[in-house]
N, C-alpha and C. Protein backbone atom coordinates (compact mmCIF):
# COMPACT_ATOMS: atom_id res chain seq x y z
N MET A 1 0.85 -1.18 0.00
CA MET A 1 0.00 0.00 0.00
C MET A 1 0.89 1.24 0.00
N ARG A 2 0.56 2.21 -0.82
CA ARG A 2 1.35 3.43 -0.90
C ARG A 2 1.22 4.25 0.37
N THR A 3 2.23 5.09 0.61
CA THR A 3 2.24 5.92 1.81
C THR A 3 1.02 6.82 1.88
N VAL A 4 0.63 7.39 0.76
CA VAL A 4 -0.54 8.28 0.73
C VAL A 4 -1.79 7.51 1.16
N GLU A 5 -1.93 6.31 0.67
CA GLU A 5 -3.09 5.49 1.03
C GLU A 5 -3.05 5.11 2.51
N LYS A 6 -1.86 4.76 3.00
CA LYS A 6 -1.73 4.42 4.42
C LYS A 6 -2.05 5.62 5.30
N ASP A 7 -1.52 6.78 4.91
CA ASP A 7 -1.79 8.00 5.68
C ASP A 7 -3.28 8.33 5.66
N GLY A 8 -3.90 8.16 4.50
CA GLY A 8 -5.34 8.41 4.39
C GLY A 8 -6.15 7.46 5.24
N ALA A 9 -5.77 6.19 5.23
CA ALA A 9 -6.47 5.20 6.05
C ALA A 9 -6.29 5.49 7.53
N ALA A 10 -5.09 5.92 7.91
CA ALA A 10 -4.84 6.26 9.32
C ALA A 10 -5.67 7.47 9.74
N ALA A 11 -5.75 8.47 8.87
CA ALA A 11 -6.55 9.66 9.17
C ALA A 11 -8.02 9.29 9.30
N LEU A 12 -8.49 8.42 8.43
CA LEU A 12 -9.88 7.97 8.50
C LEU A 12 -10.15 7.21 9.80
N ALA A 13 -9.22 6.36 10.19
CA ALA A 13 -9.37 5.61 11.45
C ALA A 13 -9.39 6.56 12.64
N GLN A 14 -8.52 7.57 12.64
CA GLN A 14 -8.51 8.55 13.73
C GLN A 14 -9.82 9.32 13.77
N SER A 15 -10.32 9.68 12.61
CA SER A 15 -11.58 10.40 12.53
C SER A 15 -12.74 9.56 13.05
N GLN A 16 -12.77 8.30 12.68
CA GLN A 16 -13.83 7.40 13.14
C GLN A 16 -13.76 7.19 14.65
N ALA A 17 -12.55 7.09 15.19
CA ALA A 17 -12.39 6.94 16.64
C ALA A 17 -12.89 8.19 17.36
N ALA A 18 -12.56 9.36 16.82
CA ALA A 18 -13.04 10.61 17.42
C ALA A 18 -14.55 10.70 17.35
N LEU A 19 -15.12 10.24 16.24
CA LEU A 19 -16.58 10.24 16.09
C LEU A 19 -17.23 9.34 17.15
N ALA A 20 -16.68 8.16 17.34
CA ALA A 20 -17.22 7.23 18.33
C ALA A 20 -17.15 7.83 19.74
N ARG A 21 -16.01 8.44 20.08
CA ARG A 21 -15.87 9.07 21.40
C ARG A 21 -16.86 10.22 21.57
N GLY A 22 -17.03 11.00 20.52
CA GLY A 22 -17.95 12.13 20.58
C GLY A 22 -19.40 11.70 20.74
N ILE A 23 -19.79 10.69 20.00
CA ILE A 23 -21.16 10.18 20.11
C ILE A 23 -21.39 9.58 21.49
N GLU A 24 -20.39 8.91 22.02
CA GLU A 24 -20.50 8.35 23.37
C GLU A 24 -20.69 9.47 24.39
N ALA A 25 -19.92 10.55 24.26
CA ALA A 25 -20.05 11.68 25.19
C ALA A 25 -21.42 12.34 25.07
N LEU A 26 -21.89 12.53 23.84
CA LEU A 26 -23.23 13.11 23.64
C LEU A 26 -24.31 12.22 24.23
N SER A 27 -24.20 10.93 24.02
CA SER A 27 -25.19 9.98 24.55
C SER A 27 -25.21 9.99 26.07
N ALA A 28 -24.03 10.02 26.67
CA ALA A 28 -23.94 10.05 28.14
C ALA A 28 -24.56 11.33 28.68
N GLU A 29 -24.29 12.45 28.03
CA GLU A 29 -24.85 13.73 28.48
C GLU A 29 -26.37 13.73 28.34
N MET A 30 -26.88 13.21 27.23
CA MET A 30 -28.33 13.17 27.03
C MET A 30 -29.00 12.25 28.05
N ALA A 31 -28.37 11.13 28.35
CA ALA A 31 -28.92 10.22 29.36
C ALA A 31 -28.93 10.91 30.72
N GLY A 32 -27.87 11.63 31.03
CA GLY A 32 -27.81 12.36 32.29
C GLY A 32 -28.89 13.43 32.38
N LEU A 33 -29.12 14.13 31.28
CA LEU A 33 -30.17 15.14 31.27
C LEU A 33 -31.55 14.51 31.45
N ALA A 34 -31.78 13.39 30.81
CA ALA A 34 -33.07 12.70 30.95
C ALA A 34 -33.28 12.24 32.39
N LEU A 35 -32.25 11.67 32.98
CA LEU A 35 -32.35 11.20 34.37
C LEU A 35 -32.59 12.37 35.31
N SER A 36 -31.88 13.45 35.09
CA SER A 36 -32.06 14.64 35.92
C SER A 36 -33.49 15.17 35.81
N GLY A 37 -34.02 15.18 34.60
CA GLY A 37 -35.40 15.63 34.40
C GLY A 37 -36.41 14.74 35.10
N MET A 38 -36.19 13.43 35.05
CA MET A 38 -37.10 12.51 35.73
C MET A 38 -37.03 12.69 37.25
N ASN A 39 -35.82 12.91 37.76
CA ASN A 39 -35.67 13.13 39.20
C ASN A 39 -36.38 14.41 39.64
N GLU A 40 -36.25 15.46 38.85
CA GLU A 40 -36.92 16.72 39.16
C GLU A 40 -38.43 16.55 39.11
N LEU A 41 -38.91 15.80 38.15
CA LEU A 41 -40.35 15.53 38.04
C LEU A 41 -40.85 14.75 39.25
N ALA A 42 -40.09 13.77 39.69
CA ALA A 42 -40.49 12.98 40.87
C ALA A 42 -40.52 13.85 42.12
N ARG A 43 -39.53 14.73 42.28
CA ARG A 43 -39.52 15.63 43.44
C ARG A 43 -40.72 16.56 43.41
N THR A 44 -41.04 17.06 42.22
CA THR A 44 -42.18 17.96 42.09
C THR A 44 -43.49 17.23 42.38
N ALA A 45 -43.63 16.01 41.91
CA ALA A 45 -44.85 15.23 42.18
C ALA A 45 -45.01 15.00 43.68
N THR A 46 -43.90 14.71 44.35
CA THR A 46 -43.95 14.51 45.81
C THR A 46 -44.38 15.79 46.51
N LYS A 47 -43.83 16.92 46.06
CA LYS A 47 -44.22 18.21 46.66
C LYS A 47 -45.69 18.51 46.39
N LEU A 48 -46.17 18.20 45.19
CA LEU A 48 -47.57 18.47 44.87
C LEU A 48 -48.53 17.63 45.71
N LEU A 49 -48.11 16.44 46.08
CA LEU A 49 -48.96 15.60 46.93
C LEU A 49 -49.13 16.19 48.32
N ALA A 50 -48.19 17.05 48.72
CA ALA A 50 -48.23 17.61 50.07
C ALA A 50 -48.87 19.00 50.13
N VAL A 51 -49.25 19.58 49.00
CA VAL A 51 -49.79 20.94 49.03
C VAL A 51 -51.17 20.96 49.67
N LYS A 52 -51.45 22.08 50.31
CA LYS A 52 -52.74 22.25 50.99
C LYS A 52 -53.62 23.29 50.30
N THR A 53 -52.97 24.21 49.56
CA THR A 53 -53.74 25.29 48.94
C THR A 53 -53.37 25.41 47.46
N LEU A 54 -54.23 26.09 46.73
CA LEU A 54 -53.96 26.36 45.32
C LEU A 54 -52.70 27.20 45.17
N SER A 55 -52.52 28.13 46.06
CA SER A 55 -51.32 28.98 46.03
C SER A 55 -50.05 28.15 46.16
N ASP A 56 -50.07 27.17 47.06
CA ASP A 56 -48.91 26.27 47.22
C ASP A 56 -48.66 25.47 45.94
N ALA A 57 -49.74 25.00 45.32
CA ALA A 57 -49.61 24.22 44.09
C ALA A 57 -49.01 25.07 42.97
N ILE A 58 -49.45 26.31 42.88
CA ILE A 58 -48.91 27.22 41.87
C ILE A 58 -47.43 27.48 42.12
N GLU A 59 -47.06 27.65 43.38
CA GLU A 59 -45.66 27.88 43.73
C GLU A 59 -44.79 26.67 43.38
N VAL A 60 -45.28 25.48 43.67
CA VAL A 60 -44.53 24.26 43.33
C VAL A 60 -44.37 24.15 41.82
N ASN A 61 -45.46 24.41 41.10
CA ASN A 61 -45.42 24.34 39.64
C ASN A 61 -44.46 25.38 39.06
N ALA A 62 -44.47 26.58 39.61
CA ALA A 62 -43.57 27.63 39.14
C ALA A 62 -42.11 27.24 39.39
N GLY A 63 -41.85 26.64 40.53
CA GLY A 63 -40.49 26.17 40.83
C GLY A 63 -40.05 25.09 39.85
N PHE A 64 -40.96 24.19 39.54
CA PHE A 64 -40.66 23.14 38.56
C PHE A 64 -40.35 23.74 37.19
N THR A 65 -41.15 24.71 36.79
CA THR A 65 -40.94 25.37 35.50
C THR A 65 -39.60 26.07 35.46
N ARG A 66 -39.27 26.79 36.53
CA ARG A 66 -37.98 27.48 36.62
C ARG A 66 -36.82 26.50 36.52
N ASN A 67 -36.89 25.45 37.32
CA ASN A 67 -35.81 24.44 37.33
C ASN A 67 -35.68 23.75 35.97
N SER A 68 -36.82 23.46 35.35
CA SER A 68 -36.80 22.81 34.04
C SER A 68 -36.17 23.71 32.98
N PHE A 69 -36.52 24.99 33.02
CA PHE A 69 -35.94 25.93 32.06
C PHE A 69 -34.44 26.07 32.27
N ASP A 70 -34.02 26.19 33.52
CA ASP A 70 -32.58 26.29 33.82
C ASP A 70 -31.84 25.05 33.32
N ALA A 71 -32.42 23.89 33.55
CA ALA A 71 -31.80 22.64 33.10
C ALA A 71 -31.74 22.59 31.57
N LEU A 72 -32.78 23.09 30.91
CA LEU A 72 -32.81 23.12 29.45
C LEU A 72 -31.69 24.00 28.90
N VAL A 73 -31.53 25.18 29.48
CA VAL A 73 -30.49 26.11 29.02
C VAL A 73 -29.11 25.52 29.26
N THR A 74 -28.89 25.00 30.46
CA THR A 74 -27.59 24.41 30.79
C THR A 74 -27.31 23.19 29.92
N GLY A 75 -28.30 22.33 29.76
CA GLY A 75 -28.13 21.13 28.95
C GLY A 75 -27.88 21.46 27.49
N SER A 76 -28.60 22.45 26.97
CA SER A 76 -28.39 22.85 25.57
C SER A 76 -26.99 23.38 25.35
N ALA A 77 -26.50 24.17 26.30
CA ALA A 77 -25.14 24.71 26.18
C ALA A 77 -24.12 23.58 26.19
N LYS A 78 -24.31 22.62 27.08
CA LYS A 78 -23.37 21.50 27.16
C LYS A 78 -23.42 20.65 25.89
N LEU A 79 -24.62 20.39 25.38
CA LEU A 79 -24.74 19.60 24.15
C LEU A 79 -24.12 20.34 22.95
N SER A 80 -24.30 21.65 22.91
CA SER A 80 -23.68 22.44 21.84
C SER A 80 -22.17 22.36 21.92
N GLU A 81 -21.65 22.48 23.13
CA GLU A 81 -20.20 22.39 23.35
C GLU A 81 -19.68 21.03 22.89
N LEU A 82 -20.38 19.98 23.26
CA LEU A 82 -19.97 18.63 22.85
C LEU A 82 -20.08 18.45 21.34
N GLY A 83 -21.10 19.05 20.72
CA GLY A 83 -21.26 18.96 19.28
C GLY A 83 -20.13 19.64 18.52
N VAL A 84 -19.72 20.81 19.01
CA VAL A 84 -18.60 21.52 18.38
C VAL A 84 -17.32 20.71 18.54
N LYS A 85 -17.12 20.16 19.73
CA LYS A 85 -15.93 19.34 19.97
C LYS A 85 -15.94 18.11 19.06
N LEU A 86 -17.09 17.49 18.92
CA LEU A 86 -17.23 16.32 18.04
C LEU A 86 -16.86 16.68 16.60
N ALA A 87 -17.41 17.77 16.10
CA ALA A 87 -17.13 18.18 14.72
C ALA A 87 -15.65 18.49 14.52
N THR A 88 -15.07 19.19 15.49
CA THR A 88 -13.66 19.57 15.38
C THR A 88 -12.76 18.34 15.41
N GLU A 89 -12.96 17.48 16.40
CA GLU A 89 -12.09 16.32 16.55
C GLU A 89 -12.28 15.29 15.45
N THR A 90 -13.47 15.22 14.88
CA THR A 90 -13.72 14.27 13.80
C THR A 90 -13.12 14.76 12.48
N SER A 91 -13.22 16.04 12.23
CA SER A 91 -12.72 16.57 10.96
C SER A 91 -11.22 16.83 10.95
N GLN A 92 -10.62 17.07 12.10
CA GLN A 92 -9.21 17.46 12.16
C GLN A 92 -8.27 16.47 11.49
N PRO A 93 -8.35 15.16 11.76
CA PRO A 93 -7.42 14.24 11.09
C PRO A 93 -7.58 14.24 9.57
N LEU A 94 -8.82 14.34 9.10
CA LEU A 94 -9.06 14.32 7.66
C LEU A 94 -8.56 15.60 7.00
N LEU A 95 -8.83 16.74 7.65
CA LEU A 95 -8.37 18.01 7.08
C LEU A 95 -6.85 18.11 7.09
N SER A 96 -6.23 17.61 8.15
CA SER A 96 -4.77 17.61 8.21
C SER A 96 -4.19 16.75 7.09
N GLN A 97 -4.75 15.58 6.90
CA GLN A 97 -4.27 14.69 5.84
C GLN A 97 -4.50 15.31 4.47
N PHE A 98 -5.64 15.93 4.29
CA PHE A 98 -5.92 16.60 3.02
C PHE A 98 -4.89 17.70 2.76
N GLY A 99 -4.58 18.47 3.80
CA GLY A 99 -3.58 19.54 3.66
C GLY A 99 -2.20 19.00 3.31
N ARG A 100 -1.81 17.91 3.96
CA ARG A 100 -0.51 17.29 3.64
C ARG A 100 -0.49 16.77 2.21
N GLY A 101 -1.57 16.14 1.79
CA GLY A 101 -1.66 15.63 0.43
C GLY A 101 -1.63 16.75 -0.60
N TRP A 102 -2.32 17.82 -0.30
CA TRP A 102 -2.35 18.97 -1.20
C TRP A 102 -0.95 19.58 -1.32
N SER A 103 -0.25 19.70 -0.20
CA SER A 103 1.12 20.24 -0.22
C SER A 103 2.05 19.37 -1.05
N LYS A 104 1.94 18.05 -0.87
CA LYS A 104 2.78 17.12 -1.65
C LYS A 104 2.49 17.25 -3.14
N ALA A 105 1.22 17.34 -3.48
CA ALA A 105 0.83 17.46 -4.88
C ALA A 105 1.35 18.76 -5.48
N ALA A 106 1.28 19.83 -4.70
CA ALA A 106 1.75 21.13 -5.19
C ALA A 106 3.26 21.12 -5.40
N ARG A 107 3.98 20.47 -4.48
CA ARG A 107 5.45 20.40 -4.59
C ARG A 107 5.87 19.56 -5.78
N SER A 108 5.12 18.51 -6.05
CA SER A 108 5.51 17.61 -7.14
C SER A 108 5.01 18.11 -8.50
N GLY A 109 4.23 19.17 -8.47
CA GLY A 109 3.77 19.74 -9.73
C GLY A 109 2.52 19.09 -10.28
N GLY A 110 1.70 18.51 -9.39
CA GLY A 110 0.44 17.99 -9.88
C GLY A 110 0.30 16.59 -9.54
């Protein structure tokens, strides 16, 4: 196998490994967010069972809404961060190899 082909295959393998790691990190984060949401829902349900007045129920519901929104914003930011990292780490080996190949082709005159 020629060096160019070996280098290309190595870059592809590195890219695929980075993709697998990134998807694993995204999946773990999403599972964590889902679990956190279920725990918050269970706590809210327990609080709602103990309310005595409509005002208390509204307060519990408002707290749940606030906490859910905060979790959504935080979770979205973390998922975005992981997505950018995934794209960067997955494309970097391929772009580097492409750049090296382009440089070699330019030096050799085509």
